[in-house]
Protein backbone atom coordinates (compact mmCIF):
# COMPACT_ATOMS: atom_id res chain seq x y z
CA UNK A 1 -2.96 -21.68 11.93
CA UNK A 2 0.81 -22.29 12.13
CA UNK A 3 3.40 -21.61 9.43
CA UNK A 4 7.01 -22.60 9.17
CA UNK A 5 8.85 -19.42 8.21
CA UNK A 6 12.15 -21.22 7.71
CA UNK A 7 10.56 -23.34 5.03
CA UNK A 8 9.02 -20.30 3.30
CA UNK A 9 12.22 -18.18 3.35
CA UNK A 10 14.73 -18.32 0.52
CA UNK A 11 17.71 -20.42 1.71
CA UNK A 12 20.19 -17.57 1.17
CA UNK A 13 18.04 -15.23 3.30
CA UNK A 14 17.73 -17.85 6.02
CA UNK A 15 21.51 -17.93 6.23
CA UNK A 16 22.10 -14.22 5.71
CA UNK A 17 24.25 -12.32 8.05
CA UNK A 18 22.85 -8.76 8.02
CA UNK A 19 24.92 -5.63 7.76
CA UNK A 20 25.80 -4.25 11.15
CA UNK A 21 25.53 -0.40 11.30
CA UNK A 22 27.25 1.78 13.88
CA UNK A 23 23.88 2.92 15.24
CA UNK A 24 22.82 -0.64 15.73
CA UNK A 25 25.94 -1.78 17.53
CA UNK A 26 25.82 0.84 20.31
CA UNK A 27 22.83 1.04 22.68
CA UNK A 28 22.56 3.80 25.21
CA UNK A 29 23.46 7.48 25.75
CA UNK A 30 26.68 9.22 24.69
CA UNK A 31 27.91 12.75 24.13
CA UNK A 32 30.69 12.06 21.64
CA UNK A 33 30.15 9.87 18.62
CA UNK A 34 33.29 8.89 16.69
CA UNK A 35 32.12 5.53 15.40
CA UNK A 36 30.37 6.06 12.09
CA UNK A 37 32.79 8.32 10.11
CA UNK A 38 30.24 11.19 10.07
CA UNK A 39 31.06 14.82 9.57
CA UNK A 40 31.09 16.52 13.04
CA UNK A 41 29.58 19.71 11.48
CA UNK A 42 25.99 20.60 10.49
CA UNK A 43 24.05 19.03 13.32
CA UNK A 44 21.62 17.37 13.54
CA UNK A 45 21.68 16.21 9.84
CA UNK A 46 25.30 15.15 10.07
CA UNK A 47 24.27 12.09 11.98
CA UNK A 48 22.88 8.93 10.50
CA UNK A 49 19.15 8.49 11.40
CA UNK A 50 17.83 5.73 13.65
CA UNK A 51 18.06 2.63 11.37
CA UNK A 52 14.93 1.14 13.00
CA UNK A 53 12.96 4.40 13.50
CA UNK A 54 11.87 3.45 17.05
CA UNK A 55 10.47 6.89 18.02
CA UNK A 56 8.16 6.89 14.89
CA UNK A 57 7.18 3.30 15.45
CA UNK A 58 6.22 3.92 19.13
CA UNK A 59 3.83 6.68 17.92
CA UNK A 60 2.40 4.51 15.18
CA UNK A 61 2.03 1.54 17.59
CA UNK A 62 -0.11 3.70 19.97
CA UNK A 63 -2.44 4.83 17.16
CA UNK A 64 -2.74 1.49 15.43
CA UNK A 65 -2.96 -0.69 18.53
CA UNK A 66 -0.01 -2.92 17.69
CA UNK A 67 3.50 -3.45 19.18
CA UNK A 68 6.44 -1.46 17.68
CA UNK A 69 8.00 -4.84 16.96
CA UNK A 70 5.16 -5.59 14.53
CA UNK A 71 6.03 -2.59 12.27
CA UNK A 72 8.43 -2.09 9.40
CA UNK A 73 8.78 1.34 7.92
CA UNK A 74 9.68 1.52 4.22
CA UNK A 75 10.22 3.98 1.46
CA UNK A 76 6.56 3.98 0.51
CA UNK A 77 4.66 0.73 0.51
CA UNK A 78 6.72 -0.32 -2.49
CA UNK A 79 9.79 -1.07 -0.36
CA UNK A 80 7.93 -3.78 1.79
CA UNK A 81 6.38 -5.23 -1.36
CA UNK A 82 9.83 -5.65 -2.80
CA UNK A 83 11.18 -7.04 0.48
CA UNK A 84 8.44 -9.71 0.35
CA UNK A 85 9.83 -10.95 -2.96
CA UNK A 86 13.42 -10.81 -1.79
CA UNK A 87 12.66 -12.66 1.41
CA UNK A 88 10.37 -15.43 0.15
CA UNK A 89 10.57 -15.88 -3.56
CA UNK A 90 13.46 -17.74 -5.33
CA UNK A 91 13.98 -16.24 -8.85
CA UNK A 92 12.86 -18.49 -11.63
CA UNK A 93 11.29 -21.00 -9.24
CA UNK A 94 8.61 -19.49 -7.01
CA UNK A 95 5.36 -17.68 -8.03
CA UNK A 96 2.92 -15.18 -6.61
CA UNK A 97 -0.86 -14.86 -7.10
CA UNK A 98 -2.89 -11.70 -7.13
CA UNK A 99 -6.35 -10.43 -8.10
CA UNK A 100 -6.75 -8.69 -11.43
CA UNK A 101 -7.06 -5.70 -11.90
CA UNK A 102 -5.01 -4.39 -8.91
CA UNK A 103 -2.08 -2.24 -7.91
CA UNK A 104 0.52 -2.44 -10.63
CA UNK A 105 3.67 -2.61 -8.48
CA UNK A 106 3.00 -6.21 -7.46
CA UNK A 107 3.74 -7.32 -11.05
CA UNK A 108 6.60 -4.90 -11.47
CA UNK A 109 8.28 -6.33 -8.38
CA UNK A 110 7.67 -9.82 -9.57
CA UNK A 111 9.25 -9.08 -12.96
CA UNK A 112 12.21 -7.35 -11.32
CA UNK A 113 12.76 -10.38 -9.12
CA UNK A 114 12.26 -12.88 -11.97
CA UNK A 115 9.23 -14.38 -10.13
CA UNK A 116 6.12 -15.72 -12.08
CA UNK A 117 3.13 -13.50 -11.52
CA UNK A 118 -0.31 -15.20 -11.73
CA UNK A 119 -3.24 -12.79 -12.02
CA UNK A 120 -6.76 -14.09 -11.21
CA UNK A 121 -9.44 -11.97 -12.89
CA UNK A 122 -12.19 -10.57 -10.69
CA UNK A 123 -15.85 -10.91 -11.65
CA UNK A 124 -17.93 -8.05 -13.09
CA UNK A 125 -18.63 -6.67 -9.62
CA UNK A 126 -14.85 -6.59 -8.96
CA UNK A 127 -15.22 -9.38 -6.34
CA UNK A 128 -13.05 -12.50 -6.11
CA UNK A 129 -13.49 -16.13 -5.49
CA UNK A 130 -11.27 -17.75 -2.82
CA UNK A 131 -11.53 -21.05 -4.67
CA UNK A 132 -10.27 -19.56 -7.97
CA UNK A 133 -7.50 -17.68 -6.16
CA UNK A 134 -6.29 -20.80 -4.43
CA UNK A 135 -6.70 -22.91 -7.56
CA UNK A 136 -4.08 -20.69 -9.19
CA UNK A 137 -1.62 -21.67 -6.44
CA UNK A 138 0.71 -24.59 -6.33
CA UNK A 139 3.53 -25.85 -4.18
CA UNK A 140 5.79 -23.03 -5.48
CA UNK A 141 3.39 -20.18 -4.55
CA UNK A 142 4.81 -18.11 -1.80
CA UNK A 143 2.67 -14.87 -1.76
CA UNK A 144 -0.94 -13.84 -2.36
CA UNK A 145 -1.63 -10.12 -2.85
CA UNK A 146 -5.06 -8.65 -1.95
CA UNK A 147 -5.49 -4.89 -2.25
CA UNK A 148 -8.57 -3.78 -0.21
CA UNK A 149 -9.87 -1.21 -0.96
CA UNK A 150 -8.63 -2.17 -4.38
CA UNK A 151 -6.89 0.04 -6.86
CA UNK A 152 -8.12 0.86 -9.51
CA UNK A 153 -11.60 -0.41 -8.79
CA UNK A 154 -12.06 1.37 -5.48
CA UNK A 155 -14.14 -1.37 -3.69
CA UNK A 156 -13.34 -3.09 -0.47
CA UNK A 157 -13.00 -6.87 -0.68
CA UNK A 158 -15.02 -9.25 1.41
CA UNK A 159 -13.52 -9.72 4.93
CA UNK A 160 -14.92 -13.24 5.04
CA UNK A 161 -13.28 -14.23 1.76
CA UNK A 162 -9.92 -12.71 2.84
CA UNK A 163 -10.07 -14.69 6.04
CA UNK A 164 -10.79 -17.83 4.04
CA UNK A 165 -7.70 -17.27 1.98
CA UNK A 166 -5.67 -16.65 5.18
CA UNK A 167 -6.88 -19.88 6.69
CA UNK A 168 -6.42 -22.12 3.61
CA UNK A 169 -3.16 -20.77 2.18
CA UNK A 170 0.09 -21.99 3.70
CA UNK A 171 2.12 -19.05 2.39
CA UNK A 172 2.11 -15.30 3.07
CA UNK A 173 -1.06 -13.32 2.44
CA UNK A 174 -0.54 -9.55 1.92
CA UNK A 175 -3.64 -7.29 2.49
CA UNK A 176 -2.68 -3.87 1.03
CA UNK A 177 -4.70 -1.25 2.94
CA UNK A 178 -3.40 1.94 1.34
CA UNK A 179 -7.02 3.35 1.25
CA UNK A 180 -8.46 1.74 4.43
CA UNK A 181 -8.99 5.11 6.04
CA UNK A 182 -11.71 5.94 3.53
CA UNK A 183 -13.56 2.64 3.95
CA UNK A 184 -16.26 1.62 6.41
CA UNK A 185 -14.60 -1.87 6.67
CA UNK A 186 -12.32 -2.61 9.58
CA UNK A 187 -8.57 -2.93 9.16
CA UNK A 188 -6.99 -6.36 9.20
CA UNK A 189 -4.52 -5.09 11.90
CA UNK A 190 -6.75 -6.54 14.55
CA UNK A 191 -6.16 -9.98 13.07
CA UNK A 192 -2.35 -9.96 13.21
CA UNK A 193 -2.16 -12.17 16.25
CA UNK A 194 -4.69 -14.62 14.77
CA UNK A 195 -2.93 -15.16 11.46
CA UNK A 196 0.92 -15.51 11.56
CA UNK A 197 0.97 -15.53 7.67
CA UNK A 198 -0.73 -12.08 7.47
CA UNK A 199 1.10 -8.89 6.20
CA UNK A 200 -0.85 -5.62 6.26
CA UNK A 201 0.48 -2.72 4.20
CA UNK A 202 -0.57 0.93 4.94
CA UNK A 203 0.88 4.29 3.87
CA UNK A 204 1.28 7.92 4.75
CA UNK A 205 0.54 8.83 1.15
CA UNK A 206 -3.29 8.85 1.19
CA UNK A 207 -5.23 9.79 4.29
CA UNK A 208 -2.14 11.31 5.94
CA UNK A 209 -1.64 13.61 2.95
CA UNK A 210 2.14 12.98 2.72
CA UNK A 211 2.98 11.15 -0.53
CA UNK A 212 5.98 13.41 -0.85
CA UNK A 213 7.78 12.00 2.21
CA UNK A 214 7.58 8.39 0.82
CA UNK A 215 6.76 6.54 4.00
CA UNK A 216 4.94 3.19 4.00
CA UNK A 217 4.15 0.76 6.81
CA UNK A 218 4.11 -3.02 6.94
CA UNK A 219 2.54 -4.78 9.88
CA UNK A 220 3.21 -8.45 10.63
CA UNK A 221 4.37 -10.84 13.16
CA UNK A 222 7.71 -9.89 14.98
CA UNK A 223 9.30 -12.94 13.18
CA UNK A 224 8.43 -11.58 9.76
CA UNK A 225 9.39 -8.08 10.71
CA UNK A 226 12.77 -9.24 11.93
CA UNK A 227 13.33 -10.86 8.49
CA UNK A 228 12.56 -7.56 6.75
CA UNK A 229 14.88 -5.75 9.11
CA UNK A 230 17.61 -8.26 8.25
CA UNK A 231 17.43 -7.58 4.48
CA UNK A 232 16.33 -3.92 4.20
CA UNK A 233 19.00 -1.15 3.58
CA UNK A 234 20.39 0.03 6.92
CA UNK A 235 19.17 3.70 6.88
CA UNK A 236 16.21 3.36 4.59
CA UNK A 237 14.18 6.19 6.23
CA UNK A 238 15.97 9.49 6.31
CA UNK A 239 15.88 11.88 9.28
CA UNK A 240 13.70 14.49 7.57
CA UNK A 241 11.06 11.95 6.82
CA UNK A 242 11.05 10.61 10.42
CA UNK A 243 10.77 14.23 11.70
CA UNK A 244 7.85 14.95 9.47
CA UNK A 245 6.11 11.70 10.33
CA UNK A 246 6.38 12.58 14.03
CA UNK A 247 4.70 15.93 13.41
CA UNK A 248 1.90 14.21 11.39
CA UNK A 249 1.33 11.58 14.08
CA UNK A 250 0.77 14.39 16.62
CA UNK A 251 -2.11 15.79 14.53
CA UNK A 252 -4.58 12.89 14.17
CA UNK A 253 -7.56 15.20 14.59
CA UNK A 254 -6.54 17.11 11.49
CA UNK A 255 -6.06 13.86 9.50
CA UNK A 256 -9.55 12.66 10.59
CA UNK A 257 -11.05 15.94 9.32
CA UNK A 258 -9.17 15.50 6.01
CA UNK A 259 -10.65 11.97 5.67
CA UNK A 260 -14.25 13.09 6.59
CA UNK A 261 -14.00 15.96 4.06
CA UNK A 262 -12.69 13.65 1.33
CA UNK A 263 -15.41 11.00 1.90
CA UNK A 264 -18.08 13.79 1.80
CA UNK A 265 -16.58 15.14 -1.41
CA UNK A 266 -16.30 11.67 -2.99
CA UNK A 267 -20.00 11.04 -2.27
CA UNK A 268 -21.04 14.48 -3.69
CA UNK A 269 -18.80 14.15 -6.76
CA UNK A 270 -20.33 10.74 -7.50
CA UNK A 271 -23.79 12.18 -7.20
CA UNK A 272 -23.13 15.02 -9.62
CA UNK A 273 -21.14 12.90 -12.15
CA UNK A 274 -24.23 10.61 -12.46
CA UNK A 275 -26.12 13.48 -14.14
CA UNK A 276 -23.86 13.49 -17.29
CA UNK A 277 -25.22 11.31 -20.13
CA UNK A 278 -21.73 10.35 -21.34
CA UNK A 279 -20.99 8.69 -18.01
CA UNK A 280 -22.35 5.13 -18.05
CA UNK A 281 -21.47 3.98 -14.61
CA UNK A 282 -19.84 5.11 -11.36
CA UNK A 283 -18.53 2.29 -9.40
CA UNK A 284 -18.94 2.13 -5.64
CA UNK A 285 -15.80 3.40 -3.81
CA UNK A 286 -14.21 2.85 -0.45
CA UNK A 287 -11.21 4.88 -1.47
CA UNK A 288 -10.31 8.53 -2.22
CA UNK A 289 -11.13 8.09 -5.91
CA UNK A 290 -13.95 7.11 -8.24
CA UNK A 291 -13.73 4.64 -11.18
CA UNK A 292 -16.06 5.99 -13.90
CA UNK A 293 -17.15 4.21 -17.06
CA UNK A 294 -17.63 6.57 -19.98
CA UNK A 295 -18.57 6.42 -23.72
CA UNK A 296 -14.97 7.18 -24.80
CA UNK A 297 -12.38 7.40 -22.09
CA UNK A 298 -9.45 8.52 -24.30
CA UNK A 299 -11.53 11.29 -25.80
CA UNK A 300 -12.76 12.60 -22.43
CA UNK A 301 -9.24 12.38 -21.04
CA UNK A 302 -7.78 14.38 -23.97
CA UNK A 303 -10.58 16.96 -23.51
CA UNK A 304 -9.77 17.34 -19.84
CA UNK A 305 -6.08 17.78 -20.55
CA UNK A 306 -6.93 20.79 -22.63
CA UNK A 307 -8.64 22.28 -19.62
CA UNK A 308 -5.66 21.66 -17.42
CA UNK A 309 -7.24 18.85 -15.56
CA UNK A 310 -5.51 15.48 -15.31
CA UNK A 311 -7.33 12.26 -14.51
CA UNK A 312 -6.19 8.68 -15.23
CA UNK A 313 -7.36 6.69 -18.25
CA UNK A 314 -7.63 3.04 -17.10
CA UNK A 315 -9.00 1.58 -20.32
CA UNK A 316 -5.90 -0.51 -20.81
CA UNK A 317 -6.59 -2.33 -17.43
CA UNK A 318 -8.45 -5.63 -17.14
CA UNK A 319 -12.19 -5.14 -16.72
CA UNK A 320 -11.80 -1.27 -17.01
CA UNK A 321 -12.38 -0.67 -20.68
CA UNK A 322 -13.78 2.85 -21.13
CA UNK A 323 -12.99 3.85 -17.54
CA UNK A 324 -11.24 6.85 -16.15
CA UNK A 325 -10.12 7.09 -12.50
CA UNK A 326 -10.77 10.42 -10.80
CA UNK A 327 -9.02 11.23 -7.61
CA UNK A 328 -11.13 13.21 -5.16
CA UNK A 329 -9.76 16.78 -4.76
CA UNK A 330 -10.79 19.75 -2.72
CA UNK A 331 -14.29 21.17 -3.20
CA UNK A 332 -12.86 23.78 -5.44
CA UNK A 333 -10.92 21.35 -7.59
CA UNK A 334 -13.94 19.00 -7.93
CA UNK A 335 -16.09 22.01 -9.05
CA UNK A 336 -13.53 22.98 -11.65
CA UNK A 337 -13.79 19.40 -13.03
CA UNK A 338 -17.61 19.39 -13.00
CA UNK A 339 -17.77 22.82 -14.77
CA UNK A 340 -15.39 21.48 -17.48
CA UNK A 341 -17.56 18.42 -17.90
CA UNK A 342 -20.62 20.66 -18.45
CA UNK A 343 -18.89 22.00 -21.50
CA UNK A 344 -17.89 18.62 -22.92
CA UNK A 345 -19.45 17.54 -26.15
CA UNK A 346 -19.40 14.05 -27.52
């Protein structure tokens, strides 16, 4: 499938002359830097970081099996989500389509950018219909968001159905894979070369255990990545974050162990939660959390707060009435939760 990025882009972005930073203008080795008005003291943090984070991207590329030119690094996944709106959606004219329920930042970014947000409700199994999703689109629809595994439902979406949307939609399809490491389904990264309208989002916040460094990844064609680089802030990823990412990327074996432990804990937690009479349903999960339907979500939430245990009440979310979302913790943390639930009366 071919797409015309020039037609999809906002006219002002198509014509934009990007900011030229000192670190972008000079290529090569040097011993004296007098170009960027930096303080000469307090090395190495006196220097601006690499604006395109090539060392980090090279490491990620080796692990993910893509080219460094297919990677954008952002301040969490929220930065590339916002960049998608800024690149493709004209305020007050264009719209985006997303499944419902799903990750809340898609709508927040739409509202910030004055872009109509069109939610398409999932069925009772938290599955979606490509026909219904595409029926919500019109000539002004630029983006479709598909979170898989989905938040807050926890389930992975059908690969076949996502491919159908990619094939039939002439705009950009975003597959948000924040939780993909906990799923048995394959990543869509292997399909980047097949679908030029595909953008895959991943993060260091979940499997990599580094929510605190705020580092997200967007994978797409080099053409789309070059557009993102054109409009992102010049030094969006600081030196400390890049340093920590490089350390993490050198410890893949440890990350794999974390993921295995969390999957095992998730399955055991689901098994034990099923024994409580006030829990009506535990939804299947491909993520590091469980969505649990209860008799009274707010009452249970309030009780757990008194025990110093914080979960998430999702009752105000579409299709999640009576549900709480429980993040899988360590074995010790999960046992504290289970012990507290044994004392709960309703």
